[in-house]
Amino acid sequence: EALRNDSLCTEALYNLGLAYKKLNRIDEALDCFLKLHAILPNSA
């Protein structure tokens, strides 16, 4: 919902990736982190 209101909300996208990872929805988690990498290419 946060991302629907602001598609560039990096905190929501990162945490969504973590939630998917925890839920073992690995492909969806990977998708979130690849999108984030496009926005934040040097984020450790």
ModelCIF file with pLDDT and N, C-alpha, C, O atoms, coordinates in Angstrom:
data_MODEL
#
_entry.id   MODEL 
#
_entity.id                         1 
_entity.type                       polymer 
_entity.pdbx_number_of_molecules   1 
#
_entity_poly.entity_id                      1 
_entity_poly.type                           'polypeptide(L)' 
_entity_poly.nstd_linkage                   no 
_entity_poly.nstd_monomer                   no 
_entity_poly.pdbx_seq_one_letter_code       EALRNDSLCTEALYNLGLAYKKLNRIDEALDCFLKLHAILPNSA 
_entity_poly.pdbx_seq_one_letter_code_can   EALRNDSLCTEALYNLGLAYKKLNRIDEALDCFLKLHAILPNSA 
_entity_poly.pdbx_strand_id                 A 
#
loop_
_entity_poly_seq.entity_id 
_entity_poly_seq.num 
_entity_poly_seq.mon_id 
_entity_poly_seq.hetero 
1 1  GLU n 
1 2  ALA n 
1 3  LEU n 
1 4  ARG n 
1 5  ASN n 
1 6  ASP n 
1 7  SER n 
1 8  LEU n 
1 9  CYS n 
1 10 THR n 
1 11 GLU n 
1 12 ALA n 
1 13 LEU n 
1 14 TYR n 
1 15 ASN n 
1 16 LEU n 
1 17 GLY n 
1 18 LEU n 
1 19 ALA n 
1 20 TYR n 
1 21 LYS n 
1 22 LYS n 
1 23 LEU n 
1 24 ASN n 
1 25 ARG n 
1 26 ILE n 
1 27 ASP n 
1 28 GLU n 
1 29 ALA n 
1 30 LEU n 
1 31 ASP n 
1 32 CYS n 
1 33 PHE n 
1 34 LEU n 
1 35 LYS n 
1 36 LEU n 
1 37 HIS n 
1 38 ALA n 
1 39 ILE n 
1 40 LEU n 
1 41 PRO n 
1 42 ASN n 
1 43 SER n 
1 44 ALA n 
#
_struct_asym.id          A 
_struct_asym.entity_id   1 
#
loop_
_ma_qa_metric.id 
_ma_qa_metric.mode 
_ma_qa_metric.name 
_ma_qa_metric.software_group_id 
_ma_qa_metric.type 
1 global pLDDT . pLDDT 
2 local  pLDDT . pLDDT 
#
_ma_qa_metric_global.metric_id      1 
_ma_qa_metric_global.metric_value   96.09 
_ma_qa_metric_global.model_id       1 
_ma_qa_metric_global.ordinal_id     1 
#
loop_
_ma_qa_metric_local.label_asym_id 
_ma_qa_metric_local.label_comp_id 
_ma_qa_metric_local.label_seq_id 
_ma_qa_metric_local.metric_id 
_ma_qa_metric_local.metric_value 
_ma_qa_metric_local.model_id 
_ma_qa_metric_local.ordinal_id 
A GLU 1  2 96.00 1 1  
A ALA 2  2 95.00 1 2  
A LEU 3  2 96.00 1 3  
A ARG 4  2 95.00 1 4  
A ASN 5  2 94.00 1 5  
A ASP 6  2 94.00 1 6  
A SER 7  2 91.00 1 7  
A LEU 8  2 92.00 1 8  
A CYS 9  2 94.00 1 9  
A THR 10 2 96.00 1 10 
A GLU 11 2 95.00 1 11 
A ALA 12 2 96.00 1 12 
A LEU 13 2 97.00 1 13 
A TYR 14 2 97.00 1 14 
A ASN 15 2 97.00 1 15 
A LEU 16 2 97.00 1 16 
A GLY 17 2 97.00 1 17 
A LEU 18 2 97.00 1 18 
A ALA 19 2 97.00 1 19 
A TYR 20 2 97.00 1 20 
A LYS 21 2 97.00 1 21 
A LYS 22 2 96.00 1 22 
A LEU 23 2 96.00 1 23 
A ASN 24 2 96.00 1 24 
A ARG 25 2 97.00 1 25 
A ILE 26 2 97.00 1 26 
A ASP 27 2 97.00 1 27 
A GLU 28 2 97.00 1 28 
A ALA 29 2 97.00 1 29 
A LEU 30 2 98.00 1 30 
A ASP 31 2 97.00 1 31 
A CYS 32 2 97.00 1 32 
A PHE 33 2 98.00 1 33 
A LEU 34 2 97.00 1 34 
A LYS 35 2 97.00 1 35 
A LEU 36 2 97.00 1 36 
A HIS 37 2 97.00 1 37 
A ALA 38 2 96.00 1 38 
A ILE 39 2 96.00 1 39 
A LEU 40 2 95.00 1 40 
A PRO 41 2 95.00 1 41 
A ASN 42 2 95.00 1 42 
A SER 43 2 96.00 1 43 
A ALA 44 2 97.00 1 44 
#
loop_
_atom_site.group_PDB 
_atom_site.id 
_atom_site.type_symbol 
_atom_site.label_atom_id 
_atom_site.label_alt_id 
_atom_site.label_comp_id 
_atom_site.label_asym_id 
_atom_site.label_entity_id 
_atom_site.label_seq_id 
_atom_site.pdbx_PDB_ins_code 
_atom_site.Cartn_x 
_atom_site.Cartn_y 
_atom_site.Cartn_z 
_atom_site.occupancy 
_atom_site.B_iso_or_equiv 
_atom_site.pdbx_formal_charge 
_atom_site.auth_seq_id 
_atom_site.auth_comp_id 
_atom_site.auth_asym_id 
_atom_site.auth_atom_id 
_atom_site.pdbx_PDB_model_num 
ATOM 1   N N  . GLU A 1 1  ? 0.841  -1.208  0.000   1.00 96.00 ? 1  GLU A N  1 
ATOM 2   C CA . GLU A 1 1  ? 0.000  0.000   0.000   1.00 96.00 ? 1  GLU A CA 1 
ATOM 3   C C  . GLU A 1 1  ? 0.869  1.249   0.000   1.00 96.00 ? 1  GLU A C  1 
ATOM 4   O O  . GLU A 1 1  ? 0.560  2.223   -0.687  1.00 96.00 ? 1  GLU A O  1 
ATOM 5   N N  . ALA A 1 2  ? 1.955  1.226   0.768   1.00 95.00 ? 2  ALA A N  1 
ATOM 6   C CA . ALA A 1 2  ? 2.893  2.360   0.785   1.00 95.00 ? 2  ALA A CA 1 
ATOM 7   C C  . ALA A 1 2  ? 3.458  2.590   -0.618  1.00 95.00 ? 2  ALA A C  1 
ATOM 8   O O  . ALA A 1 2  ? 3.595  3.732   -1.058  1.00 95.00 ? 2  ALA A O  1 
ATOM 9   N N  . LEU A 1 3  ? 3.785  1.498   -1.318  1.00 96.00 ? 3  LEU A N  1 
ATOM 10  C CA . LEU A 1 3  ? 4.346  1.608   -2.668  1.00 96.00 ? 3  LEU A CA 1 
ATOM 11  C C  . LEU A 1 3  ? 3.303  2.089   -3.683  1.00 96.00 ? 3  LEU A C  1 
ATOM 12  O O  . LEU A 1 3  ? 3.647  2.750   -4.664  1.00 96.00 ? 3  LEU A O  1 
ATOM 13  N N  . ARG A 1 4  ? 2.030  1.758   -3.446  1.00 95.00 ? 4  ARG A N  1 
ATOM 14  C CA . ARG A 1 4  ? 0.980  2.278   -4.327  1.00 95.00 ? 4  ARG A CA 1 
ATOM 15  C C  . ARG A 1 4  ? 0.872  3.800   -4.193  1.00 95.00 ? 4  ARG A C  1 
ATOM 16  O O  . ARG A 1 4  ? 0.562  4.501   -5.156  1.00 95.00 ? 4  ARG A O  1 
ATOM 17  N N  . ASN A 1 5  ? 1.135  4.298   -2.976  1.00 94.00 ? 5  ASN A N  1 
ATOM 18  C CA . ASN A 1 5  ? 1.077  5.747   -2.745  1.00 94.00 ? 5  ASN A CA 1 
ATOM 19  C C  . ASN A 1 5  ? 2.348  6.460   -3.191  1.00 94.00 ? 5  ASN A C  1 
ATOM 20  O O  . ASN A 1 5  ? 2.308  7.633   -3.563  1.00 94.00 ? 5  ASN A O  1 
ATOM 21  N N  . ASP A 1 6  ? 3.479  5.751   -3.154  1.00 94.00 ? 6  ASP A N  1 
ATOM 22  C CA . ASP A 1 6  ? 4.758  6.326   -3.597  1.00 94.00 ? 6  ASP A CA 1 
ATOM 23  C C  . ASP A 1 6  ? 5.641  5.189   -4.094  1.00 94.00 ? 6  ASP A C  1 
ATOM 24  O O  . ASP A 1 6  ? 6.248  4.465   -3.305  1.00 94.00 ? 6  ASP A O  1 
ATOM 25  N N  . SER A 1 7  ? 5.703  5.046   -5.408  1.00 91.00 ? 7  SER A N  1 
ATOM 26  C CA . SER A 1 7  ? 6.424  3.909   -5.993  1.00 91.00 ? 7  SER A CA 1 
ATOM 27  C C  . SER A 1 7  ? 7.928  3.968   -5.733  1.00 91.00 ? 7  SER A C  1 
ATOM 28  O O  . SER A 1 7  ? 8.626  2.973   -5.929  1.00 91.00 ? 7  SER A O  1 
ATOM 29  N N  . LEU A 1 8  ? 8.437  5.129   -5.291  1.00 92.00 ? 8  LEU A N  1 
ATOM 30  C CA . LEU A 1 8  ? 9.865  5.256   -5.002  1.00 92.00 ? 8  LEU A CA 1 
ATOM 31  C C  . LEU A 1 8  ? 10.170 5.199   -3.505  1.00 92.00 ? 8  LEU A C  1 
ATOM 32  O O  . LEU A 1 8  ? 11.249 5.611   -3.078  1.00 92.00 ? 8  LEU A O  1 
ATOM 33  N N  . CYS A 1 9  ? 9.236  4.698   -2.711  1.00 94.00 ? 9  CYS A N  1 
ATOM 34  C CA . CYS A 1 9  ? 9.466  4.577   -1.267  1.00 94.00 ? 9  CYS A CA 1 
ATOM 35  C C  . CYS A 1 9  ? 10.403 3.378   -1.041  1.00 94.00 ? 9  CYS A C  1 
ATOM 36  O O  . CYS A 1 9  ? 9.958  2.235   -0.935  1.00 94.00 ? 9  CYS A O  1 
ATOM 37  N N  . THR A 1 10 ? 11.705 3.671   -0.970  1.00 96.00 ? 10 THR A N  1 
ATOM 38  C CA . THR A 1 10 ? 12.706 2.601   -0.925  1.00 96.00 ? 10 THR A CA 1 
ATOM 39  C C  . THR A 1 10 ? 12.610 1.756   0.346   1.00 96.00 ? 10 THR A C  1 
ATOM 40  O O  . THR A 1 10 ? 12.882 0.556   0.318   1.00 96.00 ? 10 THR A O  1 
ATOM 41  N N  . GLU A 1 11 ? 12.220 2.389   1.465   1.00 95.00 ? 11 GLU A N  1 
ATOM 42  C CA . GLU A 1 11 ? 12.087 1.625   2.722   1.00 95.00 ? 11 GLU A CA 1 
ATOM 43  C C  . GLU A 1 11 ? 11.011 0.558   2.581   1.00 95.00 ? 11 GLU A C  1 
ATOM 44  O O  . GLU A 1 11 ? 11.197 -0.585  2.999   1.00 95.00 ? 11 GLU A O  1 
ATOM 45  N N  . ALA A 1 12 ? 9.878  0.945   1.986   1.00 96.00 ? 12 ALA A N  1 
ATOM 46  C CA . ALA A 1 12 ? 8.780  -0.011  1.810   1.00 96.00 ? 12 ALA A CA 1 
ATOM 47  C C  . ALA A 1 12 ? 9.195  -1.139  0.867   1.00 96.00 ? 12 ALA A C  1 
ATOM 48  O O  . ALA A 1 12 ? 8.884  -2.305  1.109   1.00 96.00 ? 12 ALA A O  1 
ATOM 49  N N  . LEU A 1 13 ? 9.897  -0.786  -0.206  1.00 97.00 ? 13 LEU A N  1 
ATOM 50  C CA . LEU A 1 13 ? 10.330 -1.799  -1.177  1.00 97.00 ? 13 LEU A CA 1 
ATOM 51  C C  . LEU A 1 13 ? 11.336 -2.768  -0.552  1.00 97.00 ? 13 LEU A C  1 
ATOM 52  O O  . LEU A 1 13 ? 11.256 -3.978  -0.759  1.00 97.00 ? 13 LEU A O  1 
ATOM 53  N N  . TYR A 1 14 ? 12.279 -2.222  0.212   1.00 97.00 ? 14 TYR A N  1 
ATOM 54  C CA . TYR A 1 14 ? 13.283 -3.066  0.885   1.00 97.00 ? 14 TYR A CA 1 
ATOM 55  C C  . TYR A 1 14 ? 12.597 -4.011  1.877   1.00 97.00 ? 14 TYR A C  1 
ATOM 56  O O  . TYR A 1 14 ? 12.871 -5.211  1.902   1.00 97.00 ? 14 TYR A O  1 
ATOM 57  N N  . ASN A 1 15 ? 11.703 -3.448  2.690   1.00 97.00 ? 15 ASN A N  1 
ATOM 58  C CA . ASN A 1 15 ? 11.025 -4.265  3.704   1.00 97.00 ? 15 ASN A CA 1 
ATOM 59  C C  . ASN A 1 15 ? 10.072 -5.276  3.077   1.00 97.00 ? 15 ASN A C  1 
ATOM 60  O O  . ASN A 1 15 ? 9.872  -6.362  3.620   1.00 97.00 ? 15 ASN A O  1 
ATOM 61  N N  . LEU A 1 16 ? 9.481  -4.923  1.933   1.00 97.00 ? 16 LEU A N  1 
ATOM 62  C CA . LEU A 1 16 ? 8.643  -5.878  1.213   1.00 97.00 ? 16 LEU A CA 1 
ATOM 63  C C  . LEU A 1 16 ? 9.499  -7.061  0.750   1.00 97.00 ? 16 LEU A C  1 
ATOM 64  O O  . LEU A 1 16 ? 9.077  -8.215  0.829   1.00 97.00 ? 16 LEU A O  1 
ATOM 65  N N  . GLY A 1 17 ? 10.697 -6.760  0.271   1.00 97.00 ? 17 GLY A N  1 
ATOM 66  C CA . GLY A 1 17 ? 11.629 -7.817  -0.125  1.00 97.00 ? 17 GLY A CA 1 
ATOM 67  C C  . GLY A 1 17 ? 11.974 -8.728  1.049   1.00 97.00 ? 17 GLY A C  1 
ATOM 68  O O  . GLY A 1 17 ? 12.024 -9.949  0.903   1.00 97.00 ? 17 GLY A O  1 
ATOM 69  N N  . LEU A 1 18 ? 12.212 -8.124  2.213   1.00 97.00 ? 18 LEU A N  1 
ATOM 70  C CA . LEU A 1 18 ? 12.511 -8.914  3.419   1.00 97.00 ? 18 LEU A CA 1 
ATOM 71  C C  . LEU A 1 18 ? 11.316 -9.775  3.826   1.00 97.00 ? 18 LEU A C  1 
ATOM 72  O O  . LEU A 1 18 ? 11.479 -10.928 4.226   1.00 97.00 ? 18 LEU A O  1 
ATOM 73  N N  . ALA A 1 19 ? 10.107 -9.200  3.719   1.00 97.00 ? 19 ALA A N  1 
ATOM 74  C CA . ALA A 1 19 ? 8.901  -9.954  4.079   1.00 97.00 ? 19 ALA A CA 1 
ATOM 75  C C  . ALA A 1 19 ? 8.730  -11.151 3.151   1.00 97.00 ? 19 ALA A C  1 
ATOM 76  O O  . ALA A 1 19 ? 8.436  -12.256 3.606   1.00 97.00 ? 19 ALA A O  1 
ATOM 77  N N  . TYR A 1 20 ? 8.913  -10.933 1.843   1.00 97.00 ? 20 TYR A N  1 
ATOM 78  C CA . TYR A 1 20 ? 8.804  -12.034 0.884   1.00 97.00 ? 20 TYR A CA 1 
ATOM 79  C C  . TYR A 1 20 ? 9.871  -13.098 1.161   1.00 97.00 ? 20 TYR A C  1 
ATOM 80  O O  . TYR A 1 20 ? 9.615  -14.298 1.059   1.00 97.00 ? 20 TYR A O  1 
ATOM 81  N N  . LYS A 1 21 ? 11.061 -12.634 1.510   1.00 97.00 ? 21 LYS A N  1 
ATOM 82  C CA . LYS A 1 21 ? 12.158 -13.572 1.813   1.00 97.00 ? 21 LYS A CA 1 
ATOM 83  C C  . LYS A 1 21 ? 11.786 -14.443 3.011   1.00 97.00 ? 21 LYS A C  1 
ATOM 84  O O  . LYS A 1 21 ? 11.999 -15.655 3.006   1.00 97.00 ? 21 LYS A O  1 
ATOM 85  N N  . LYS A 1 22 ? 11.226 -13.802 4.034   1.00 96.00 ? 22 LYS A N  1 
ATOM 86  C CA . LYS A 1 22 ? 10.810 -14.514 5.240   1.00 96.00 ? 22 LYS A CA 1 
ATOM 87  C C  . LYS A 1 22 ? 9.671  -15.499 4.934   1.00 96.00 ? 22 LYS A C  1 
ATOM 88  O O  . LYS A 1 22 ? 9.584  -16.572 5.531   1.00 96.00 ? 22 LYS A O  1 
ATOM 89  N N  . LEU A 1 23 ? 8.803  -15.110 3.993   1.00 96.00 ? 23 LEU A N  1 
ATOM 90  C CA . LEU A 1 23 ? 7.676  -15.968 3.601   1.00 96.00 ? 23 LEU A CA 1 
ATOM 91  C C  . LEU A 1 23 ? 8.087  -17.037 2.579   1.00 96.00 ? 23 LEU A C  1 
ATOM 92  O O  . LEU A 1 23 ? 7.260  -17.822 2.114   1.00 96.00 ? 23 LEU A O  1 
ATOM 93  N N  . ASN A 1 24 ? 9.382  -17.047 2.241   1.00 96.00 ? 24 ASN A N  1 
ATOM 94  C CA . ASN A 1 24 ? 9.940  -18.000 1.279   1.00 96.00 ? 24 ASN A CA 1 
ATOM 95  C C  . ASN A 1 24 ? 9.374  -17.806 -0.133  1.00 96.00 ? 24 ASN A C  1 
ATOM 96  O O  . ASN A 1 24 ? 9.305  -18.746 -0.925  1.00 96.00 ? 24 ASN A O  1 
ATOM 97  N N  . ARG A 1 25 ? 8.973  -16.570 -0.427  1.00 97.00 ? 25 ARG A N  1 
ATOM 98  C CA . ARG A 1 25 ? 8.528  -16.225 -1.783  1.00 97.00 ? 25 ARG A CA 1 
ATOM 99  C C  . ARG A 1 25 ? 9.733  -15.572 -2.473  1.00 97.00 ? 25 ARG A C  1 
ATOM 100 O O  . ARG A 1 25 ? 9.784  -14.361 -2.688  1.00 97.00 ? 25 ARG A O  1 
ATOM 101 N N  . ILE A 1 26 ? 10.692 -16.430 -2.806  1.00 97.00 ? 26 ILE A N  1 
ATOM 102 C CA . ILE A 1 26 ? 12.023 -15.974 -3.202  1.00 97.00 ? 26 ILE A CA 1 
ATOM 103 C C  . ILE A 1 26 ? 12.014 -15.174 -4.505  1.00 97.00 ? 26 ILE A C  1 
ATOM 104 O O  . ILE A 1 26 ? 12.719 -14.170 -4.610  1.00 97.00 ? 26 ILE A O  1 
ATOM 105 N N  . ASP A 1 27 ? 11.232 -15.597 -5.494  1.00 97.00 ? 27 ASP A N  1 
ATOM 106 C CA . ASP A 1 27 ? 11.203 -14.871 -6.771  1.00 97.00 ? 27 ASP A CA 1 
ATOM 107 C C  . ASP A 1 27 ? 10.695 -13.445 -6.591  1.00 97.00 ? 27 ASP A C  1 
ATOM 108 O O  . ASP A 1 27 ? 11.211 -12.507 -7.199  1.00 97.00 ? 27 ASP A O  1 
ATOM 109 N N  . GLU A 1 28 ? 9.668  -13.294 -5.742  1.00 97.00 ? 28 GLU A N  1 
ATOM 110 C CA . GLU A 1 28 ? 9.118  -11.956 -5.491  1.00 97.00 ? 28 GLU A CA 1 
ATOM 111 C C  . GLU A 1 28 ? 10.113 -11.104 -4.702  1.00 97.00 ? 28 GLU A C  1 
ATOM 112 O O  . GLU A 1 28 ? 10.231 -9.901  -4.939  1.00 97.00 ? 28 GLU A O  1 
ATOM 113 N N  . ALA A 1 29 ? 10.823 -11.726 -3.772  1.00 97.00 ? 29 ALA A N  1 
ATOM 114 C CA . ALA A 1 29 ? 11.857 -11.011 -3.007  1.00 97.00 ? 29 ALA A CA 1 
ATOM 115 C C  . ALA A 1 29 ? 12.956 -10.533 -3.957  1.00 97.00 ? 29 ALA A C  1 
ATOM 116 O O  . ALA A 1 29 ? 13.402 -9.388  -3.883  1.00 97.00 ? 29 ALA A O  1 
ATOM 117 N N  . LEU A 1 30 ? 13.385 -11.427 -4.850  1.00 98.00 ? 30 LEU A N  1 
ATOM 118 C CA . LEU A 1 30 ? 14.429 -11.075 -5.820  1.00 98.00 ? 30 LEU A CA 1 
ATOM 119 C C  . LEU A 1 30 ? 13.981 -9.893  -6.676  1.00 98.00 ? 30 LEU A C  1 
ATOM 120 O O  . LEU A 1 30 ? 14.764 -8.980  -6.938  1.00 98.00 ? 30 LEU A O  1 
ATOM 121 N N  . ASP A 1 31 ? 12.730 -9.911  -7.107  1.00 97.00 ? 31 ASP A N  1 
ATOM 122 C CA . ASP A 1 31 ? 12.182 -8.827  -7.925  1.00 97.00 ? 31 ASP A CA 1 
ATOM 123 C C  . ASP A 1 31 ? 12.267 -7.491  -7.178  1.00 97.00 ? 31 ASP A C  1 
ATOM 124 O O  . ASP A 1 31 ? 12.654 -6.476  -7.757  1.00 97.00 ? 31 ASP A O  1 
ATOM 125 N N  . CYS A 1 32 ? 11.902 -7.498  -5.886  1.00 97.00 ? 32 CYS A N  1 
ATOM 126 C CA . CYS A 1 32 ? 11.966 -6.264  -5.073  1.00 97.00 ? 32 CYS A CA 1 
ATOM 127 C C  . CYS A 1 32 ? 13.397 -5.736  -5.000  1.00 97.00 ? 32 CYS A C  1 
ATOM 128 O O  . CYS A 1 32 ? 13.634 -4.544  -5.196  1.00 97.00 ? 32 CYS A O  1 
ATOM 129 N N  . PHE A 1 33 ? 14.354 -6.630  -4.717  1.00 98.00 ? 33 PHE A N  1 
ATOM 130 C CA . PHE A 1 33 ? 15.728 -6.174  -4.537  1.00 98.00 ? 33 PHE A CA 1 
ATOM 131 C C  . PHE A 1 33 ? 16.387 -5.762  -5.859  1.00 98.00 ? 33 PHE A C  1 
ATOM 132 O O  . PHE A 1 33 ? 17.255 -4.889  -5.869  1.00 98.00 ? 33 PHE A O  1 
ATOM 133 N N  . LEU A 1 34 ? 15.980 -6.384  -6.971  1.00 97.00 ? 34 LEU A N  1 
ATOM 134 C CA . LEU A 1 34 ? 16.501 -5.943  -8.271  1.00 97.00 ? 34 LEU A CA 1 
ATOM 135 C C  . LEU A 1 34 ? 15.968 -4.553  -8.620  1.00 97.00 ? 34 LEU A C  1 
ATOM 136 O O  . LEU A 1 34 ? 16.697 -3.731  -9.174  1.00 97.00 ? 34 LEU A O  1 
ATOM 137 N N  . LYS A 1 35 ? 14.683 -4.285  -8.294  1.00 97.00 ? 35 LYS A N  1 
ATOM 138 C CA . LYS A 1 35 ? 14.118 -2.935  -8.503  1.00 97.00 ? 35 LYS A CA 1 
ATOM 139 C C  . LYS A 1 35 ? 14.872 -1.918  -7.644  1.00 97.00 ? 35 LYS A C  1 
ATOM 140 O O  . LYS A 1 35 ? 15.211 -0.826  -8.100  1.00 97.00 ? 35 LYS A O  1 
ATOM 141 N N  . LEU A 1 36 ? 15.126 -2.300  -6.395  1.00 97.00 ? 36 LEU A N  1 
ATOM 142 C CA . LEU A 1 36 ? 15.857 -1.413  -5.488  1.00 97.00 ? 36 LEU A CA 1 
ATOM 143 C C  . LEU A 1 36 ? 17.255 -1.138  -6.003  1.00 97.00 ? 36 LEU A C  1 
ATOM 144 O O  . LEU A 1 36 ? 17.748 -0.014  -5.915  1.00 97.00 ? 36 LEU A O  1 
ATOM 145 N N  . HIS A 1 37 ? 17.902 -2.178  -6.547  1.00 97.00 ? 37 HIS A N  1 
ATOM 146 C CA . HIS A 1 37 ? 19.269 -2.014  -7.065  1.00 97.00 ? 37 HIS A CA 1 
ATOM 147 C C  . HIS A 1 37 ? 19.286 -0.990  -8.206  1.00 97.00 ? 37 HIS A C  1 
ATOM 148 O O  . HIS A 1 37 ? 20.248 -0.236  -8.358  1.00 97.00 ? 37 HIS A O  1 
ATOM 149 N N  . ALA A 1 38 ? 18.212 -0.972  -9.003  1.00 96.00 ? 38 ALA A N  1 
ATOM 150 C CA . ALA A 1 38 ? 18.124 0.015   -10.084 1.00 96.00 ? 38 ALA A CA 1 
ATOM 151 C C  . ALA A 1 38 ? 18.027 1.434   -9.521  1.00 96.00 ? 38 ALA A C  1 
ATOM 152 O O  . ALA A 1 38 ? 18.541 2.380   -10.118 1.00 96.00 ? 38 ALA A O  1 
ATOM 153 N N  . ILE A 1 39 ? 17.359 1.579   -8.359  1.00 96.00 ? 39 ILE A N  1 
ATOM 154 C CA . ILE A 1 39 ? 17.201 2.899   -7.731  1.00 96.00 ? 39 ILE A CA 1 
ATOM 155 C C  . ILE A 1 39 ? 18.450 3.272   -6.924  1.00 96.00 ? 39 ILE A C  1 
ATOM 156 O O  . ILE A 1 39 ? 18.915 4.411   -6.975  1.00 96.00 ? 39 ILE A O  1 
ATOM 157 N N  . LEU A 1 40 ? 18.993 2.287   -6.171  1.00 95.00 ? 40 LEU A N  1 
ATOM 158 C CA . LEU A 1 40 ? 20.146 2.505   -5.291  1.00 95.00 ? 40 LEU A CA 1 
ATOM 159 C C  . LEU A 1 40 ? 21.276 1.544   -5.672  1.00 95.00 ? 40 LEU A C  1 
ATOM 160 O O  . LEU A 1 40 ? 21.487 0.548   -4.982  1.00 95.00 ? 40 LEU A O  1 
ATOM 161 N N  . PRO A 1 41 ? 22.006 1.825   -6.760  1.00 95.00 ? 41 PRO A N  1 
ATOM 162 C CA . PRO A 1 41 ? 22.988 0.859   -7.256  1.00 95.00 ? 41 PRO A CA 1 
ATOM 163 C C  . PRO A 1 41 ? 24.150 0.568   -6.302  1.00 95.00 ? 41 PRO A C  1 
ATOM 164 O O  . PRO A 1 41 ? 24.770 -0.491  -6.395  1.00 95.00 ? 41 PRO A O  1 
ATOM 165 N N  . ASN A 1 42 ? 24.451 1.494   -5.388  1.00 95.00 ? 42 ASN A N  1 
ATOM 166 C CA . ASN A 1 42 ? 25.589 1.280   -4.482  1.00 95.00 ? 42 ASN A CA 1 
ATOM 167 C C  . ASN A 1 42 ? 25.173 1.001   -3.042  1.00 95.00 ? 42 ASN A C  1 
ATOM 168 O O  . ASN A 1 42 ? 25.966 1.188   -2.119  1.00 95.00 ? 42 ASN A O  1 
ATOM 169 N N  . SER A 1 43 ? 23.948 0.558   -2.850  1.00 96.00 ? 43 SER A N  1 
ATOM 170 C CA . SER A 1 43 ? 23.489 0.257   -1.496  1.00 96.00 ? 43 SER A CA 1 
ATOM 171 C C  . SER A 1 43 ? 24.051 -1.092  -1.043  1.00 96.00 ? 43 SER A C  1 
ATOM 172 O O  . SER A 1 43 ? 23.754 -2.129  -1.636  1.00 96.00 ? 43 SER A O  1 
ATOM 173 N N  . ALA A 1 44 ? 24.863 -1.064  0.012   1.00 97.00 ? 44 ALA A N  1 
ATOM 174 C CA . ALA A 1 44 ? 25.479 -2.299  0.522   1.00 97.00 ? 44 ALA A CA 1 
ATOM 175 C C  . ALA A 1 44 ? 24.416 -3.298  0.966   1.00 97.00 ? 44 ALA A C  1 
ATOM 176 O O  . ALA A 1 44 ? 24.749 -4.392  1.422   1.00 97.00 ? 44 ALA A O  1 
#
